[in-house]
Amino acid sequence: MASSASWRLRRCNSERPDRLDQELTPTQARSISEAIDLKVIDRTQLILDIFAKRASSRDGKIPVELAQLKYLLPRLRPRNRGCHV
């Protein structure tokens, strides 16, 4: 896990997730999230969420959704690693 010197965490009120002002690896984000028991959003995810909220046309929404899915792909992990389908 990243040491406290290698990442800066901005604590928000309890209704909003914490934001990190740098990129995190999927493992770092998961470890920090588990340690503080809150959802962690890094800069890229925050930017993609803003674009998704502001996209109004179909031509605008599709590339944003594709970018979000590409960003989330390495962050997905199987629920049960012992089970093979």
PDB file of N, CA and C in Angstrom:
ATOM      1  N   MET A   1       0.837  -1.179   0.000  1.00  0.00           N
ATOM      2  CA  MET A   1       0.000   0.000   0.000  1.00  0.00           C
ATOM      3  C   MET A   1       0.878   1.237   0.000  1.00  0.00           C
ATOM      4  N   ALA A   2       0.397   2.299  -0.585  1.00  0.00           N
ATOM      5  CA  ALA A   2       1.153   3.539  -0.645  1.00  0.00           C
ATOM      6  C   ALA A   2       1.326   4.107   0.751  1.00  0.00           C
ATOM      7  N   SER A   3       2.522   4.640   1.026  1.00  0.00           N
ATOM      8  CA  SER A   3       2.733   5.266   2.326  1.00  0.00           C
ATOM      9  C   SER A   3       2.008   6.601   2.353  1.00  0.00           C
ATOM     10  N   SER A   4       1.829   7.123   3.546  1.00  0.00           N
ATOM     11  CA  SER A   4       1.100   8.385   3.667  1.00  0.00           C
ATOM     12  C   SER A   4       1.835   9.524   2.972  1.00  0.00           C
ATOM     13  N   ALA A   5       3.147   9.402   2.785  1.00  0.00           N
ATOM     14  CA  ALA A   5       3.907  10.444   2.105  1.00  0.00           C
ATOM     15  C   ALA A   5       3.728  10.388   0.592  1.00  0.00           C
ATOM     16  N   SER A   6       3.339   9.247   0.052  1.00  0.00           N
ATOM     17  CA  SER A   6       3.257   9.109  -1.401  1.00  0.00           C
ATOM     18  C   SER A   6       1.889   9.463  -1.974  1.00  0.00           C
ATOM     19  N   TRP A   7       0.890   9.667  -1.148  1.00  0.00           N
ATOM     20  CA  TRP A   7      -0.422  10.086  -1.643  1.00  0.00           C
ATOM     21  C   TRP A   7      -1.045  11.049  -0.655  1.00  0.00           C
ATOM     22  N   ARG A   8      -1.828  11.953  -1.199  1.00  0.00           N
ATOM     23  CA  ARG A   8      -2.513  12.946  -0.370  1.00  0.00           C
ATOM     24  C   ARG A   8      -4.007  12.702  -0.460  1.00  0.00           C
ATOM     25  N   LEU A   9      -4.628  12.626   0.654  1.00  0.00           N
ATOM     26  CA  LEU A   9      -6.050  12.337   0.720  1.00  0.00           C
ATOM     27  C   LEU A   9      -6.781  13.575   1.208  1.00  0.00           C
ATOM     28  N   ARG A  10      -7.786  13.974   0.472  1.00  0.00           N
ATOM     29  CA  ARG A  10      -8.617  15.096   0.902  1.00  0.00           C
ATOM     30  C   ARG A  10      -9.886  14.542   1.504  1.00  0.00           C
ATOM     31  N   ARG A  11     -10.087  14.809   2.757  1.00  0.00           N
ATOM     32  CA  ARG A  11     -11.256  14.283   3.448  1.00  0.00           C
ATOM     33  C   ARG A  11     -12.448  15.189   3.162  1.00  0.00           C
ATOM     34  N   CYS A  12     -13.507  14.619   2.679  1.00  0.00           N
ATOM     35  CA  CYS A  12     -14.725  15.367   2.386  1.00  0.00           C
ATOM     36  C   CYS A  12     -15.730  15.092   3.491  1.00  0.00           C
ATOM     37  N   ASN A  13     -16.872  15.752   3.408  1.00  0.00           N
ATOM     38  CA  ASN A  13     -17.897  15.438   4.404  1.00  0.00           C
ATOM     39  C   ASN A  13     -18.374  14.006   4.181  1.00  0.00           C
ATOM     40  N   SER A  14     -19.087  13.465   5.124  1.00  0.00           N
ATOM     41  CA  SER A  14     -19.430  12.041   5.100  1.00  0.00           C
ATOM     42  C   SER A  14     -20.355  11.653   3.949  1.00  0.00           C
ATOM     43  N   GLU A  15     -20.990  12.618   3.298  1.00  0.00           N
ATOM     44  CA  GLU A  15     -21.901  12.299   2.209  1.00  0.00           C
ATOM     45  C   GLU A  15     -21.186  12.168   0.871  1.00  0.00           C
ATOM     46  N   ARG A  16     -19.957  12.633   0.801  1.00  0.00           N
ATOM     47  CA  ARG A  16     -19.209  12.585  -0.455  1.00  0.00           C
ATOM     48  C   ARG A  16     -18.010  11.670  -0.301  1.00  0.00           C
ATOM     49  N   PRO A  17     -17.624  10.989  -1.375  1.00  0.00           N
ATOM     50  CA  PRO A  17     -16.442  10.127  -1.287  1.00  0.00           C
ATOM     51  C   PRO A  17     -15.173  10.964  -1.161  1.00  0.00           C
ATOM     52  N   ASP A  18     -14.106  10.334  -0.695  1.00  0.00           N
ATOM     53  CA  ASP A  18     -12.819  11.015  -0.628  1.00  0.00           C
ATOM     54  C   ASP A  18     -12.227  11.118  -2.019  1.00  0.00           C
ATOM     55  N   ARG A  19     -11.464  12.197  -2.255  1.00  0.00           N
ATOM     56  CA  ARG A  19     -10.822  12.411  -3.546  1.00  0.00           C
ATOM     57  C   ARG A  19      -9.322  12.367  -3.354  1.00  0.00           C
ATOM     58  N   LEU A  20      -8.642  11.799  -4.322  1.00  0.00           N
ATOM     59  CA  LEU A  20      -7.184  11.779  -4.319  1.00  0.00           C
ATOM     60  C   LEU A  20      -6.699  12.656  -5.451  1.00  0.00           C
ATOM     61  N   ASP A  21      -5.664  13.451  -5.190  1.00  0.00           N
ATOM     62  CA  ASP A  21      -5.212  14.350  -6.230  1.00  0.00           C
ATOM     63  C   ASP A  21      -4.029  13.803  -7.006  1.00  0.00           C
ATOM     64  N   GLN A  22      -4.016  12.497  -7.223  1.00  0.00           N
ATOM     65  CA  GLN A  22      -3.057  11.869  -8.121  1.00  0.00           C
ATOM     66  C   GLN A  22      -3.627  10.530  -8.593  1.00  0.00           C
ATOM     67  N   GLU A  23      -2.992   9.970  -9.602  1.00  0.00           N
ATOM     68  CA  GLU A  23      -3.444   8.681 -10.131  1.00  0.00           C
ATOM     69  C   GLU A  23      -3.060   7.567  -9.160  1.00  0.00           C
ATOM     70  N   LEU A  24      -3.898   6.566  -9.084  1.00  0.00           N
ATOM     71  CA  LEU A  24      -3.640   5.409  -8.238  1.00  0.00           C
ATOM     72  C   LEU A  24      -3.724   4.142  -9.067  1.00  0.00           C
ATOM     73  N   THR A  25      -2.949   3.165  -8.679  1.00  0.00           N
ATOM     74  CA  THR A  25      -3.106   1.854  -9.304  1.00  0.00           C
ATOM     75  C   THR A  25      -4.380   1.241  -8.721  1.00  0.00           C
ATOM     76  N   PRO A  26      -4.946   0.256  -9.402  1.00  0.00           N
ATOM     77  CA  PRO A  26      -6.139  -0.395  -8.847  1.00  0.00           C
ATOM     78  C   PRO A  26      -5.902  -0.948  -7.435  1.00  0.00           C
ATOM     79  N   THR A  27      -4.723  -1.505  -7.199  1.00  0.00           N
ATOM     80  CA  THR A  27      -4.417  -2.064  -5.884  1.00  0.00           C
ATOM     81  C   THR A  27      -4.340  -0.977  -4.824  1.00  0.00           C
ATOM     82  N   GLN A  28      -3.714   0.150  -5.150  1.00  0.00           N
ATOM     83  CA  GLN A  28      -3.635   1.254  -4.201  1.00  0.00           C
ATOM     84  C   GLN A  28      -5.030   1.777  -3.851  1.00  0.00           C
ATOM     85  N   ALA A  29      -5.858   1.984  -4.857  1.00  0.00           N
ATOM     86  CA  ALA A  29      -7.206   2.504  -4.619  1.00  0.00           C
ATOM     87  C   ALA A  29      -8.005   1.553  -3.733  1.00  0.00           C
ATOM     88  N   ARG A  30      -7.902   0.256  -4.012  1.00  0.00           N
ATOM     89  CA  ARG A  30      -8.636  -0.737  -3.229  1.00  0.00           C
ATOM     90  C   ARG A  30      -8.130  -0.769  -1.782  1.00  0.00           C
ATOM     91  N   SER A  31      -6.813  -0.711  -1.598  1.00  0.00           N
ATOM     92  CA  SER A  31      -6.238  -0.752  -0.253  1.00  0.00           C
ATOM     93  C   SER A  31      -6.621   0.474   0.561  1.00  0.00           C
ATOM     94  N   ILE A  32      -6.555   1.637  -0.054  1.00  0.00           N
ATOM     95  CA  ILE A  32      -6.922   2.868   0.648  1.00  0.00           C
ATOM     96  C   ILE A  32      -8.403   2.852   0.986  1.00  0.00           C
ATOM     97  N   SER A  33      -9.219   2.436   0.046  1.00  0.00           N
ATOM     98  CA  SER A  33     -10.661   2.377   0.267  1.00  0.00           C
ATOM     99  C   SER A  33     -11.007   1.442   1.424  1.00  0.00           C
ATOM    100  N   GLU A  34     -10.349   0.296   1.470  1.00  0.00           N
ATOM    101  CA  GLU A  34     -10.593  -0.649   2.560  1.00  0.00           C
ATOM    102  C   GLU A  34     -10.086  -0.103   3.887  1.00  0.00           C
ATOM    103  N   ALA A  35      -8.967   0.626   3.872  1.00  0.00           N
ATOM    104  CA  ALA A  35      -8.386   1.153   5.110  1.00  0.00           C
ATOM    105  C   ALA A  35      -9.253   2.241   5.729  1.00  0.00           C
ATOM    106  N   ILE A  36      -9.860   3.082   4.902  1.00  0.00           N
ATOM    107  CA  ILE A  36     -10.661   4.190   5.438  1.00  0.00           C
ATOM    108  C   ILE A  36     -12.155   3.906   5.376  1.00  0.00           C
ATOM    109  N   ASP A  37     -12.516   2.778   4.782  1.00  0.00           N
ATOM    110  CA  ASP A  37     -13.911   2.340   4.689  1.00  0.00           C
ATOM    111  C   ASP A  37     -14.800   3.364   3.982  1.00  0.00           C
ATOM    112  N   LEU A  38     -14.251   3.983   2.932  1.00  0.00           N
ATOM    113  CA  LEU A  38     -14.993   4.915   2.088  1.00  0.00           C
ATOM    114  C   LEU A  38     -14.604   4.679   0.640  1.00  0.00           C
ATOM    115  N   LYS A  39     -15.471   5.101  -0.260  1.00  0.00           N
ATOM    116  CA  LYS A  39     -15.149   5.015  -1.685  1.00  0.00           C
ATOM    117  C   LYS A  39     -14.033   6.018  -2.007  1.00  0.00           C
ATOM    118  N   VAL A  40     -13.055   5.596  -2.804  1.00  0.00           N
ATOM    119  CA  VAL A  40     -11.938   6.455  -3.189  1.00  0.00           C
ATOM    120  C   VAL A  40     -12.036   6.727  -4.687  1.00  0.00           C
ATOM    121  N   ILE A  41     -11.948   8.001  -5.045  1.00  0.00           N
ATOM    122  CA  ILE A  41     -12.009   8.407  -6.448  1.00  0.00           C
ATOM    123  C   ILE A  41     -10.720   9.140  -6.779  1.00  0.00           C
ATOM    124  N   ASP A  42      -9.991   8.659  -7.776  1.00  0.00           N
ATOM    125  CA  ASP A  42      -8.788   9.389  -8.183  1.00  0.00           C
ATOM    126  C   ASP A  42      -9.158  10.416  -9.249  1.00  0.00           C
ATOM    127  N   ARG A  43      -8.182  11.169  -9.670  1.00  0.00           N
ATOM    128  CA  ARG A  43      -8.417  12.296 -10.583  1.00  0.00           C
ATOM    129  C   ARG A  43      -9.085  11.853 -11.888  1.00  0.00           C
ATOM    130  N   THR A  44      -8.610  10.770 -12.492  1.00  0.00           N
ATOM    131  CA  THR A  44      -9.160  10.309 -13.769  1.00  0.00           C
ATOM    132  C   THR A  44     -10.634   9.942 -13.630  1.00  0.00           C
ATOM    133  N   GLN A  45     -10.957   9.204 -12.585  1.00  0.00           N
ATOM    134  CA  GLN A  45     -12.354   8.803 -12.390  1.00  0.00           C
ATOM    135  C   GLN A  45     -13.244  10.022 -12.160  1.00  0.00           C
ATOM    136  N   LEU A  46     -12.751  10.997 -11.418  1.00  0.00           N
ATOM    137  CA  LEU A  46     -13.516  12.213 -11.180  1.00  0.00           C
ATOM    138  C   LEU A  46     -13.785  12.951 -12.492  1.00  0.00           C
ATOM    139  N   ILE A  47     -12.770  13.081 -13.324  1.00  0.00           N
ATOM    140  CA  ILE A  47     -12.925  13.757 -14.617  1.00  0.00           C
ATOM    141  C   ILE A  47     -13.916  13.012 -15.502  1.00  0.00           C
ATOM    142  N   LEU A  48     -13.799  11.689 -15.562  1.00  0.00           N
ATOM    143  CA  LEU A  48     -14.729  10.898 -16.375  1.00  0.00           C
ATOM    144  C   LEU A  48     -16.163  11.026 -15.858  1.00  0.00           C
ATOM    145  N   ASP A  49     -16.334  11.065 -14.543  1.00  0.00           N
ATOM    146  CA  ASP A  49     -17.676  11.233 -13.971  1.00  0.00           C
ATOM    147  C   ASP A  49     -18.264  12.592 -14.344  1.00  0.00           C
ATOM    148  N   ILE A  50     -17.440  13.630 -14.334  1.00  0.00           N
ATOM    149  CA  ILE A  50     -17.912  14.961 -14.715  1.00  0.00           C
ATOM    150  C   ILE A  50     -18.334  14.979 -16.180  1.00  0.00           C
ATOM    151  N   PHE A  51     -17.497  14.399 -17.048  1.00  0.00           N
ATOM    152  CA  PHE A  51     -17.848  14.342 -18.470  1.00  0.00           C
ATOM    153  C   PHE A  51     -19.139  13.552 -18.681  1.00  0.00           C
ATOM    154  N   ALA A  52     -19.307  12.455 -17.949  1.00  0.00           N
ATOM    155  CA  ALA A  52     -20.510  11.638 -18.101  1.00  0.00           C
ATOM    156  C   ALA A  52     -21.767  12.415 -17.697  1.00  0.00           C
ATOM    157  N   LYS A  53     -21.666  13.203 -16.647  1.00  0.00           N
ATOM    158  CA  LYS A  53     -22.818  13.983 -16.210  1.00  0.00           C
ATOM    159  C   LYS A  53     -23.171  15.090 -17.199  1.00  0.00           C
ATOM    160  N   ARG A  54     -22.162  15.638 -17.866  1.00  0.00           N
ATOM    161  CA  ARG A  54     -22.396  16.771 -18.760  1.00  0.00           C
ATOM    162  C   ARG A  54     -22.695  16.372 -20.202  1.00  0.00           C
ATOM    163  N   ALA A  55     -22.402  15.137 -20.564  1.00  0.00           N
ATOM    164  CA  ALA A  55     -22.678  14.687 -21.930  1.00  0.00           C
ATOM    165  C   ALA A  55     -24.191  14.617 -22.132  1.00  0.00           C
ATOM    166  N   SER A  56     -24.669  15.257 -23.184  1.00  0.00           N
ATOM    167  CA  SER A  56     -26.118  15.280 -23.384  1.00  0.00           C
ATOM    168  C   SER A  56     -26.543  14.537 -24.648  1.00  0.00           C
ATOM    169  N   SER A  57     -25.736  14.591 -25.694  1.00  0.00           N
ATOM    170  CA  SER A  57     -26.118  13.913 -26.936  1.00  0.00           C
ATOM    171  C   SER A  57     -25.608  12.471 -26.925  1.00  0.00           C
ATOM    172  N   ARG A  58     -26.200  11.662 -27.758  1.00  0.00           N
ATOM    173  CA  ARG A  58     -25.767  10.265 -27.875  1.00  0.00           C
ATOM    174  C   ARG A  58     -24.325  10.207 -28.351  1.00  0.00           C
ATOM    175  N   ASP A  59     -23.976  11.096 -29.303  1.00  0.00           N
ATOM    176  CA  ASP A  59     -22.610  11.132 -29.810  1.00  0.00           C
ATOM    177  C   ASP A  59     -21.612  11.557 -28.741  1.00  0.00           C
ATOM    178  N   GLY A  60     -22.061  12.262 -27.726  1.00  0.00           N
ATOM    179  CA  GLY A  60     -21.195  12.654 -26.630  1.00  0.00           C
ATOM    180  C   GLY A  60     -21.113  11.604 -25.537  1.00  0.00           C
ATOM    181  N   LYS A  61     -22.222  10.911 -25.303  1.00  0.00           N
ATOM    182  CA  LYS A  61     -22.278   9.929 -24.225  1.00  0.00           C
ATOM    183  C   LYS A  61     -21.489   8.659 -24.535  1.00  0.00           C
ATOM    184  N   ILE A  62     -21.507   8.216 -25.784  1.00  0.00           N
ATOM    185  CA  ILE A  62     -20.861   6.942 -26.144  1.00  0.00           C
ATOM    186  C   ILE A  62     -19.346   6.964 -25.892  1.00  0.00           C
ATOM    187  N   PRO A  63     -18.599   7.988 -26.364  1.00  0.00           N
ATOM    188  CA  PRO A  63     -17.154   7.976 -26.091  1.00  0.00           C
ATOM    189  C   PRO A  63     -16.823   8.099 -24.602  1.00  0.00           C
ATOM    190  N   VAL A  64     -17.651   8.819 -23.855  1.00  0.00           N
ATOM    191  CA  VAL A  64     -17.404   8.948 -22.418  1.00  0.00           C
ATOM    192  C   VAL A  64     -17.629   7.606 -21.733  1.00  0.00           C
ATOM    193  N   GLU A  65     -18.697   6.923 -22.102  1.00  0.00           N
ATOM    194  CA  GLU A  65     -18.963   5.613 -21.510  1.00  0.00           C
ATOM    195  C   GLU A  65     -17.861   4.621 -21.870  1.00  0.00           C
ATOM    196  N   LEU A  66     -17.380   4.659 -23.094  1.00  0.00           N
ATOM    197  CA  LEU A  66     -16.280   3.787 -23.501  1.00  0.00           C
ATOM    198  C   LEU A  66     -15.030   4.078 -22.668  1.00  0.00           C
ATOM    199  N   ALA A  67     -14.718   5.348 -22.472  1.00  0.00           N
ATOM    200  CA  ALA A  67     -13.553   5.723 -21.667  1.00  0.00           C
ATOM    201  C   ALA A  67     -13.714   5.243 -20.224  1.00  0.00           C
ATOM    202  N   GLN A  68     -14.927   5.364 -19.667  1.00  0.00           N
ATOM    203  CA  GLN A  68     -15.170   4.889 -18.303  1.00  0.00           C
ATOM    204  C   GLN A  68     -14.980   3.380 -18.201  1.00  0.00           C
ATOM    205  N   LEU A  69     -15.479   2.652 -19.184  1.00  0.00           N
ATOM    206  CA  LEU A  69     -15.343   1.196 -19.159  1.00  0.00           C
ATOM    207  C   LEU A  69     -13.887   0.770 -19.304  1.00  0.00           C
ATOM    208  N   LYS A  70     -13.141   1.442 -20.164  1.00  0.00           N
ATOM    209  CA  LYS A  70     -11.710   1.132 -20.315  1.00  0.00           C
ATOM    210  C   LYS A  70     -10.957   1.425 -19.022  1.00  0.00           C
ATOM    211  N   TYR A  71     -11.352   2.491 -18.341  1.00  0.00           N
ATOM    212  CA  TYR A  71     -10.716   2.849 -17.078  1.00  0.00           C
ATOM    213  C   TYR A  71     -11.040   1.812 -15.997  1.00  0.00           C
ATOM    214  N   LEU A  72     -12.282   1.329 -15.971  1.00  0.00           N
ATOM    215  CA  LEU A  72     -12.703   0.390 -14.935  1.00  0.00           C
ATOM    216  C   LEU A  72     -12.214  -1.039 -15.164  1.00  0.00           C
ATOM    217  N   LEU A  73     -11.936  -1.405 -16.386  1.00  0.00           N
ATOM    218  CA  LEU A  73     -11.568  -2.791 -16.696  1.00  0.00           C
ATOM    219  C   LEU A  73     -10.436  -3.338 -15.826  1.00  0.00           C
ATOM    220  N   PRO A  74      -9.301  -2.672 -15.697  1.00  0.00           N
ATOM    221  CA  PRO A  74      -8.246  -3.242 -14.844  1.00  0.00           C
ATOM    222  C   PRO A  74      -8.583  -3.185 -13.355  1.00  0.00           C
ATOM    223  N   ARG A  75      -9.630  -2.469 -12.984  1.00  0.00           N
ATOM    224  CA  ARG A  75     -10.009  -2.348 -11.587  1.00  0.00           C
ATOM    225  C   ARG A  75     -11.032  -3.403 -11.160  1.00  0.00           C
ATOM    226  N   LEU A  76     -11.537  -4.163 -12.111  1.00  0.00           N
ATOM    227  CA  LEU A  76     -12.474  -5.229 -11.790  1.00  0.00           C
ATOM    228  C   LEU A  76     -11.708  -6.444 -11.308  1.00  0.00           C
ATOM    229  N   ARG A  77     -12.293  -7.138 -10.346  1.00  0.00           N
ATOM    230  CA  ARG A  77     -11.674  -8.378  -9.920  1.00  0.00           C
ATOM    231  C   ARG A  77     -12.770  -9.368  -9.613  1.00  0.00           C
ATOM    232  N   PRO A  78     -12.500 -10.646  -9.818  1.00  0.00           N
ATOM    233  CA  PRO A  78     -13.539 -11.645  -9.591  1.00  0.00           C
ATOM    234  C   PRO A  78     -13.945 -11.718  -8.124  1.00  0.00           C
ATOM    235  N   ARG A  79     -15.202 -12.018  -7.893  1.00  0.00           N
ATOM    236  CA  ARG A  79     -15.707 -12.127  -6.517  1.00  0.00           C
ATOM    237  C   ARG A  79     -15.203 -13.388  -5.838  1.00  0.00           C
ATOM    238  N   ASN A  80     -15.141 -14.481  -6.604  1.00  0.00           N
ATOM    239  CA  ASN A  80     -14.701 -15.761  -6.042  1.00  0.00           C
ATOM    240  C   ASN A  80     -13.621 -16.325  -6.943  1.00  0.00           C
ATOM    241  N   ARG A  81     -12.398 -16.184  -6.561  1.00  0.00           N
ATOM    242  CA  ARG A  81     -11.284 -16.619  -7.417  1.00  0.00           C
ATOM    243  C   ARG A  81     -11.202 -18.131  -7.559  1.00  0.00           C
ATOM    244  N   GLY A  82     -11.798 -18.892  -6.650  1.00  0.00           N
ATOM    245  CA  GLY A  82     -11.734 -20.330  -6.724  1.00  0.00           C
ATOM    246  C   GLY A  82     -12.754 -20.944  -7.661  1.00  0.00           C
ATOM    247  N   CYS A  83     -13.702 -20.178  -8.112  1.00  0.00           N
ATOM    248  CA  CYS A  83     -14.778 -20.670  -8.959  1.00  0.00           C
ATOM    249  C   CYS A  83     -14.466 -20.372 -10.424  1.00  0.00           C
ATOM    250  N   HIS A  84     -14.420 -21.408 -11.252  1.00  0.00           N
ATOM    251  CA  HIS A  84     -14.174 -21.214 -12.688  1.00  0.00           C
ATOM    252  C   HIS A  84     -15.437 -21.501 -13.461  1.00  0.00           C
ATOM    253  N   VAL A  85     -15.724 -20.663 -14.410  1.00  0.00           N
ATOM    254  CA  VAL A  85     -16.932 -20.839 -15.224  1.00  0.00           C
ATOM    255  C   VAL A  85     -16.550 -21.412 -16.559  1.00  0.00           C
TER     256      VAL A  85
END
